[in-house]
Amino acid sequence: MRRVALAYGGSVAAVGLWMRGLAIKRHFFEAYLHVAANAMLFGLTSGVIGGDSRLLWLLGLVIVAAVAIERGVRARRFAFVVYGVVYAYVGISWETLSHIIYGTAWLAYVVLSGAAVVAGLFLMSRLVGRDE
């Protein structure tokens, strides 16, 4: 299903671009991109959590998340920044926590990194702006 999610996300983005190019329902273009970004990022995150080649899934997740963040900043659409940060955080944390023995270090990682992500998103929201 992970590959299906990636194919679905890519096809939704392609259909959105195609319809925008034909000037058909241009106002739905951003909705297509929201669905596509979530489908692709979810599929990649799922691969990190339960896939067979977890490091390849993680590499793909980091690349797609970086594109979502960069495009979100450039287009001033904060939702895409959040998608990229949250999905990447989950994937990277899953891989990191698989190497940490449960206990104080595990809890410290979750609390400190979670707080850093929230603070970073708060600061980024001031720079990027909010969706209108």
N, C-alpha and C. Protein backbone atom coordinates (compact mmCIF):
# COMPACT_ATOMS: atom_id res chain seq x y z
N MET A 1 0.81 -1.20 0.00
CA MET A 1 0.00 0.00 0.00
C MET A 1 0.86 1.27 0.00
N ARG A 2 2.10 1.15 0.45
CA ARG A 2 2.96 2.33 0.48
C ARG A 2 3.21 2.85 -0.93
N ARG A 3 3.50 1.94 -1.82
CA ARG A 3 3.74 2.34 -3.21
C ARG A 3 2.47 2.89 -3.85
N VAL A 4 1.33 2.35 -3.46
CA VAL A 4 0.05 2.86 -3.96
C VAL A 4 -0.15 4.29 -3.48
N ALA A 5 0.19 4.58 -2.23
CA ALA A 5 0.05 5.94 -1.70
C ALA A 5 0.95 6.91 -2.47
N LEU A 6 2.17 6.47 -2.80
CA LEU A 6 3.07 7.32 -3.57
C LEU A 6 2.53 7.56 -4.98
N ALA A 7 2.03 6.50 -5.61
CA ALA A 7 1.46 6.64 -6.95
C ALA A 7 0.22 7.53 -6.92
N TYR A 8 -0.61 7.34 -5.91
CA TYR A 8 -1.82 8.16 -5.78
C TYR A 8 -1.46 9.63 -5.59
N GLY A 9 -0.51 9.90 -4.71
CA GLY A 9 -0.09 11.29 -4.48
C GLY A 9 0.47 11.92 -5.74
N GLY A 10 1.29 11.18 -6.46
CA GLY A 10 1.85 11.70 -7.71
C GLY A 10 0.78 11.94 -8.76
N SER A 11 -0.18 11.02 -8.86
CA SER A 11 -1.24 11.19 -9.86
C SER A 11 -2.18 12.34 -9.50
N VAL A 12 -2.47 12.53 -8.23
CA VAL A 12 -3.32 13.65 -7.81
C VAL A 12 -2.62 14.97 -8.12
N ALA A 13 -1.33 15.06 -7.85
CA ALA A 13 -0.58 16.28 -8.17
C ALA A 13 -0.56 16.52 -9.68
N ALA A 14 -0.37 15.46 -10.45
CA ALA A 14 -0.35 15.60 -11.91
C ALA A 14 -1.70 16.05 -12.46
N VAL A 15 -2.78 15.48 -11.93
CA VAL A 15 -4.12 15.89 -12.37
C VAL A 15 -4.37 17.35 -11.99
N GLY A 16 -3.93 17.75 -10.81
CA GLY A 16 -4.10 19.14 -10.40
C GLY A 16 -3.35 20.09 -11.32
N LEU A 17 -2.11 19.74 -11.66
CA LEU A 17 -1.34 20.57 -12.60
C LEU A 17 -1.98 20.61 -13.98
N TRP A 18 -2.46 19.47 -14.43
CA TRP A 18 -3.09 19.38 -15.74
C TRP A 18 -4.36 20.23 -15.80
N MET A 19 -5.19 20.12 -14.77
CA MET A 19 -6.43 20.89 -14.76
C MET A 19 -6.15 22.38 -14.62
N ARG A 20 -5.15 22.73 -13.86
CA ARG A 20 -4.78 24.15 -13.76
C ARG A 20 -4.28 24.67 -15.10
N GLY A 21 -3.51 23.85 -15.79
CA GLY A 21 -3.02 24.24 -17.11
C GLY A 21 -4.14 24.43 -18.13
N LEU A 22 -5.20 23.66 -17.98
CA LEU A 22 -6.35 23.79 -18.89
C LEU A 22 -7.33 24.86 -18.41
N ALA A 23 -7.02 25.50 -17.31
CA ALA A 23 -7.89 26.54 -16.72
C ALA A 23 -9.25 25.97 -16.31
N ILE A 24 -9.24 24.74 -15.83
CA ILE A 24 -10.46 24.10 -15.32
C ILE A 24 -10.39 24.06 -13.81
N LYS A 25 -11.30 24.75 -13.17
CA LYS A 25 -11.39 24.75 -11.71
C LYS A 25 -10.03 25.05 -11.06
N ARG A 26 -9.41 26.13 -11.47
CA ARG A 26 -8.09 26.50 -10.93
C ARG A 26 -8.10 26.66 -9.42
N HIS A 27 -9.24 27.04 -8.87
CA HIS A 27 -9.30 27.27 -7.43
C HIS A 27 -9.16 25.98 -6.62
N PHE A 28 -9.24 24.82 -7.28
CA PHE A 28 -9.05 23.55 -6.58
C PHE A 28 -7.59 23.08 -6.57
N PHE A 29 -6.72 23.81 -7.25
CA PHE A 29 -5.33 23.37 -7.40
C PHE A 29 -4.66 23.13 -6.05
N GLU A 30 -4.82 24.05 -5.12
CA GLU A 30 -4.18 23.89 -3.81
C GLU A 30 -4.74 22.69 -3.06
N ALA A 31 -6.03 22.41 -3.22
CA ALA A 31 -6.61 21.23 -2.57
C ALA A 31 -5.98 19.95 -3.12
N TYR A 32 -5.75 19.91 -4.43
CA TYR A 32 -5.05 18.76 -5.01
C TYR A 32 -3.67 18.60 -4.39
N LEU A 33 -2.97 19.71 -4.21
CA LEU A 33 -1.62 19.64 -3.64
C LEU A 33 -1.64 19.19 -2.18
N HIS A 34 -2.64 19.60 -1.42
CA HIS A 34 -2.75 19.15 -0.03
C HIS A 34 -2.93 17.63 0.02
N VAL A 35 -3.82 17.10 -0.80
CA VAL A 35 -4.06 15.66 -0.83
C VAL A 35 -2.80 14.93 -1.28
N ALA A 36 -2.17 15.42 -2.33
CA ALA A 36 -0.97 14.77 -2.86
C ALA A 36 0.16 14.75 -1.84
N ALA A 37 0.39 15.89 -1.19
CA ALA A 37 1.48 15.96 -0.20
C ALA A 37 1.23 15.01 0.96
N ASN A 38 0.02 14.99 1.47
CA ASN A 38 -0.28 14.09 2.59
C ASN A 38 -0.17 12.63 2.19
N ALA A 39 -0.66 12.27 1.01
CA ALA A 39 -0.59 10.87 0.57
C ALA A 39 0.86 10.42 0.43
N MET A 40 1.67 11.25 -0.21
CA MET A 40 3.07 10.86 -0.43
C MET A 40 3.85 10.82 0.88
N LEU A 41 3.68 11.83 1.71
CA LEU A 41 4.41 11.85 2.98
C LEU A 41 3.96 10.73 3.91
N PHE A 42 2.66 10.43 3.90
CA PHE A 42 2.17 9.33 4.73
C PHE A 42 2.73 7.99 4.25
N GLY A 43 2.74 7.78 2.94
CA GLY A 43 3.29 6.53 2.40
C GLY A 43 4.76 6.36 2.74
N LEU A 44 5.52 7.43 2.63
CA LEU A 44 6.95 7.36 2.95
C LEU A 44 7.18 7.14 4.45
N THR A 45 6.40 7.82 5.28
CA THR A 45 6.52 7.64 6.73
C THR A 45 6.16 6.21 7.12
N SER A 46 5.14 5.67 6.49
CA SER A 46 4.76 4.28 6.74
C SER A 46 5.90 3.34 6.37
N GLY A 47 6.62 3.64 5.30
CA GLY A 47 7.76 2.82 4.92
C GLY A 47 8.88 2.87 5.93
N VAL A 48 9.10 4.04 6.53
CA VAL A 48 10.13 4.16 7.58
C VAL A 48 9.74 3.31 8.78
N ILE A 49 8.46 3.33 9.12
CA ILE A 49 8.01 2.63 10.32
C ILE A 49 7.94 1.12 10.11
N GLY A 50 7.48 0.68 8.96
CA GLY A 50 7.29 -0.76 8.79
C GLY A 50 7.83 -1.34 7.51
N GLY A 51 8.62 -0.59 6.78
CA GLY A 51 9.12 -1.06 5.50
C GLY A 51 10.31 -1.99 5.63
N ASP A 52 10.67 -2.61 4.52
CA ASP A 52 11.80 -3.53 4.52
C ASP A 52 13.14 -2.80 4.39
N SER A 53 13.20 -1.76 3.60
CA SER A 53 14.43 -0.96 3.45
C SER A 53 14.21 0.39 4.11
N ARG A 54 14.22 0.39 5.42
CA ARG A 54 13.81 1.59 6.16
C ARG A 54 14.65 2.81 5.84
N LEU A 55 15.94 2.64 5.63
CA LEU A 55 16.80 3.79 5.36
C LEU A 55 16.50 4.42 3.99
N LEU A 56 16.11 3.60 3.01
CA LEU A 56 15.71 4.15 1.72
C LEU A 56 14.40 4.93 1.84
N TRP A 57 13.47 4.38 2.61
CA TRP A 57 12.21 5.10 2.85
C TRP A 57 12.49 6.41 3.58
N LEU A 58 13.41 6.37 4.54
CA LEU A 58 13.76 7.59 5.28
C LEU A 58 14.40 8.63 4.36
N LEU A 59 15.26 8.20 3.48
CA LEU A 59 15.87 9.11 2.52
C LEU A 59 14.79 9.76 1.64
N GLY A 60 13.89 8.95 1.13
CA GLY A 60 12.79 9.48 0.33
C GLY A 60 11.93 10.44 1.12
N LEU A 61 11.65 10.11 2.37
CA LEU A 61 10.84 10.97 3.23
C LEU A 61 11.52 12.31 3.45
N VAL A 62 12.80 12.29 3.73
CA VAL A 62 13.53 13.54 3.97
C VAL A 62 13.54 14.41 2.71
N ILE A 63 13.72 13.80 1.56
CA ILE A 63 13.74 14.56 0.31
C ILE A 63 12.37 15.18 0.03
N VAL A 64 11.31 14.39 0.11
CA VAL A 64 9.97 14.90 -0.18
C VAL A 64 9.55 15.93 0.87
N ALA A 65 9.90 15.70 2.13
CA ALA A 65 9.58 16.68 3.18
C ALA A 65 10.32 17.99 2.94
N ALA A 66 11.58 17.90 2.52
CA ALA A 66 12.34 19.12 2.23
C ALA A 66 11.72 19.90 1.08
N VAL A 67 11.24 19.20 0.07
CA VAL A 67 10.57 19.86 -1.05
C VAL A 67 9.28 20.52 -0.57
N ALA A 68 8.51 19.82 0.26
CA ALA A 68 7.26 20.39 0.78
C ALA A 68 7.55 21.65 1.61
N ILE A 69 8.58 21.59 2.43
CA ILE A 69 8.93 22.75 3.26
C ILE A 69 9.40 23.91 2.38
N GLU A 70 10.27 23.64 1.44
CA GLU A 70 10.80 24.70 0.58
C GLU A 70 9.69 25.33 -0.26
N ARG A 71 8.84 24.50 -0.85
CA ARG A 71 7.74 25.02 -1.66
C ARG A 71 6.73 25.77 -0.79
N GLY A 72 6.51 25.29 0.42
CA GLY A 72 5.60 25.97 1.33
C GLY A 72 6.11 27.35 1.72
N VAL A 73 7.40 27.44 1.97
CA VAL A 73 8.00 28.74 2.31
C VAL A 73 7.93 29.67 1.10
N ARG A 74 8.30 29.16 -0.05
CA ARG A 74 8.32 29.99 -1.25
C ARG A 74 6.92 30.49 -1.62
N ALA A 75 5.92 29.63 -1.49
CA ALA A 75 4.55 30.01 -1.85
C ALA A 75 3.80 30.67 -0.68
N ARG A 76 4.46 30.75 0.46
CA ARG A 76 3.86 31.32 1.68
C ARG A 76 2.60 30.55 2.09
N ARG A 77 2.71 29.23 2.05
CA ARG A 77 1.63 28.34 2.48
C ARG A 77 2.17 27.50 3.63
N PHE A 78 1.85 27.93 4.83
CA PHE A 78 2.44 27.34 6.03
C PHE A 78 2.01 25.89 6.24
N ALA A 79 0.86 25.51 5.74
CA ALA A 79 0.39 24.13 5.92
C ALA A 79 1.39 23.14 5.33
N PHE A 80 1.99 23.46 4.19
CA PHE A 80 2.95 22.55 3.58
C PHE A 80 4.24 22.48 4.39
N VAL A 81 4.60 23.56 5.03
CA VAL A 81 5.75 23.55 5.94
C VAL A 81 5.47 22.60 7.10
N VAL A 82 4.28 22.70 7.65
CA VAL A 82 3.90 21.83 8.76
C VAL A 82 3.89 20.37 8.32
N TYR A 83 3.32 20.08 7.14
CA TYR A 83 3.31 18.70 6.65
C TYR A 83 4.73 18.15 6.59
N GLY A 84 5.63 18.91 5.97
CA GLY A 84 7.01 18.43 5.83
C GLY A 84 7.69 18.22 7.16
N VAL A 85 7.52 19.16 8.08
CA VAL A 85 8.18 19.06 9.38
C VAL A 85 7.62 17.90 10.19
N VAL A 86 6.31 17.78 10.26
CA VAL A 86 5.70 16.76 11.12
C VAL A 86 5.99 15.35 10.60
N TYR A 87 5.78 15.11 9.31
CA TYR A 87 6.05 13.77 8.79
C TYR A 87 7.54 13.43 8.91
N ALA A 88 8.42 14.37 8.61
CA ALA A 88 9.86 14.12 8.74
C ALA A 88 10.23 13.86 10.20
N TYR A 89 9.63 14.62 11.11
CA TYR A 89 9.91 14.42 12.54
C TYR A 89 9.51 13.01 12.97
N VAL A 90 8.35 12.56 12.54
CA VAL A 90 7.89 11.22 12.92
C VAL A 90 8.85 10.17 12.36
N GLY A 91 9.22 10.29 11.09
CA GLY A 91 10.12 9.31 10.48
C GLY A 91 11.50 9.30 11.10
N ILE A 92 12.07 10.46 11.29
CA ILE A 92 13.41 10.56 11.87
C ILE A 92 13.39 10.09 13.32
N SER A 93 12.35 10.47 14.05
CA SER A 93 12.25 10.05 15.45
C SER A 93 12.08 8.54 15.55
N TRP A 94 11.32 7.95 14.66
CA TRP A 94 11.14 6.49 14.69
C TRP A 94 12.48 5.80 14.52
N GLU A 95 13.25 6.27 13.56
CA GLU A 95 14.56 5.66 13.33
C GLU A 95 15.51 5.92 14.49
N THR A 96 15.49 7.11 15.04
CA THR A 96 16.36 7.45 16.17
C THR A 96 15.99 6.65 17.41
N LEU A 97 14.70 6.58 17.70
CA LEU A 97 14.26 5.89 18.91
C LEU A 97 14.45 4.38 18.84
N SER A 98 14.58 3.85 17.63
CA SER A 98 14.83 2.41 17.52
C SER A 98 16.24 2.06 17.99
N HIS A 99 17.11 3.07 18.15
CA HIS A 99 18.48 2.84 18.61
C HIS A 99 18.69 3.28 20.06
N ILE A 100 17.65 3.79 20.68
CA ILE A 100 17.75 4.24 22.07
C ILE A 100 16.99 3.25 22.95
N ILE A 101 17.62 2.83 24.02
CA ILE A 101 16.97 1.93 24.96
C ILE A 101 15.89 2.72 25.71
N TYR A 102 14.74 2.10 25.87
CA TYR A 102 13.64 2.77 26.56
C TYR A 102 14.09 3.22 27.95
N GLY A 103 13.61 4.34 28.36
CA GLY A 103 13.96 4.86 29.67
C GLY A 103 14.07 6.36 29.62
N THR A 104 14.95 6.87 30.43
CA THR A 104 15.10 8.32 30.58
C THR A 104 15.58 8.97 29.28
N ALA A 105 16.53 8.34 28.60
CA ALA A 105 17.04 8.93 27.34
C ALA A 105 15.94 8.99 26.29
N TRP A 106 15.12 7.96 26.23
CA TRP A 106 14.02 7.91 25.27
C TRP A 106 13.03 9.03 25.56
N LEU A 107 12.65 9.17 26.82
CA LEU A 107 11.71 10.22 27.22
C LEU A 107 12.30 11.61 27.00
N ALA A 108 13.58 11.78 27.32
CA ALA A 108 14.23 13.08 27.12
C ALA A 108 14.24 13.45 25.65
N TYR A 109 14.52 12.47 24.78
CA TYR A 109 14.50 12.75 23.34
C TYR A 109 13.12 13.23 22.90
N VAL A 110 12.09 12.53 23.31
CA VAL A 110 10.73 12.87 22.89
C VAL A 110 10.35 14.27 23.39
N VAL A 111 10.61 14.55 24.64
CA VAL A 111 10.23 15.84 25.21
C VAL A 111 11.03 16.98 24.59
N LEU A 112 12.35 16.84 24.54
CA LEU A 112 13.19 17.93 24.03
C LEU A 112 13.02 18.16 22.53
N SER A 113 13.00 17.08 21.76
CA SER A 113 12.86 17.27 20.32
C SER A 113 11.45 17.73 19.97
N GLY A 114 10.45 17.23 20.68
CA GLY A 114 9.08 17.69 20.44
C GLY A 114 8.93 19.17 20.74
N ALA A 115 9.50 19.61 21.83
CA ALA A 115 9.45 21.04 22.18
C ALA A 115 10.20 21.87 21.16
N ALA A 116 11.34 21.38 20.67
CA ALA A 116 12.10 22.11 19.66
C ALA A 116 11.32 22.22 18.35
N VAL A 117 10.63 21.16 17.96
CA VAL A 117 9.83 21.20 16.73
C VAL A 117 8.69 22.20 16.87
N VAL A 118 7.99 22.18 17.99
CA VAL A 118 6.89 23.12 18.20
C VAL A 118 7.40 24.56 18.21
N ALA A 119 8.50 24.80 18.92
CA ALA A 119 9.06 26.15 18.95
C ALA A 119 9.53 26.58 17.57
N GLY A 120 10.16 25.68 16.84
CA GLY A 120 10.61 26.00 15.50
C GLY A 120 9.45 26.32 14.56
N LEU A 121 8.37 25.55 14.66
CA LEU A 121 7.20 25.84 13.83
C LEU A 121 6.57 27.17 14.21
N PHE A 122 6.57 27.48 15.50
CA PHE A 122 6.02 28.76 15.93
C PHE A 122 6.82 29.92 15.34
N LEU A 123 8.14 29.82 15.42
CA LEU A 123 8.99 30.87 14.85
C LEU A 123 8.85 30.92 13.33
N MET A 124 8.79 29.78 12.71
CA MET A 124 8.64 29.74 11.25
C MET A 124 7.32 30.34 10.81
N SER A 125 6.29 30.16 11.61
CA SER A 125 4.98 30.72 11.23
C SER A 125 5.04 32.23 11.17
N ARG A 126 5.87 32.83 11.98
CA ARG A 126 6.02 34.28 11.96
C ARG A 126 6.75 34.74 10.71
N LEU A 127 7.67 33.91 10.20
CA LEU A 127 8.42 34.27 9.02
C LEU A 127 7.67 33.97 7.72
N VAL A 128 7.01 32.83 7.69
CA VAL A 128 6.34 32.38 6.48
C VAL A 128 4.97 33.01 6.32
N GLY A 129 4.28 33.17 7.43
CA GLY A 129 2.92 33.68 7.36
C GLY A 129 1.93 32.53 7.44
N ARG A 130 0.72 32.86 7.59
CA ARG A 130 -0.32 31.84 7.72
C ARG A 130 -1.11 31.75 6.43
N ASP A 131 -1.71 30.57 6.22
CA ASP A 131 -2.58 30.40 5.07
C ASP A 131 -3.76 31.33 5.16
N GLU A 132 -4.21 31.78 4.04
CA GLU A 132 -5.37 32.68 4.03
C GLU A 132 -6.57 31.95 3.50
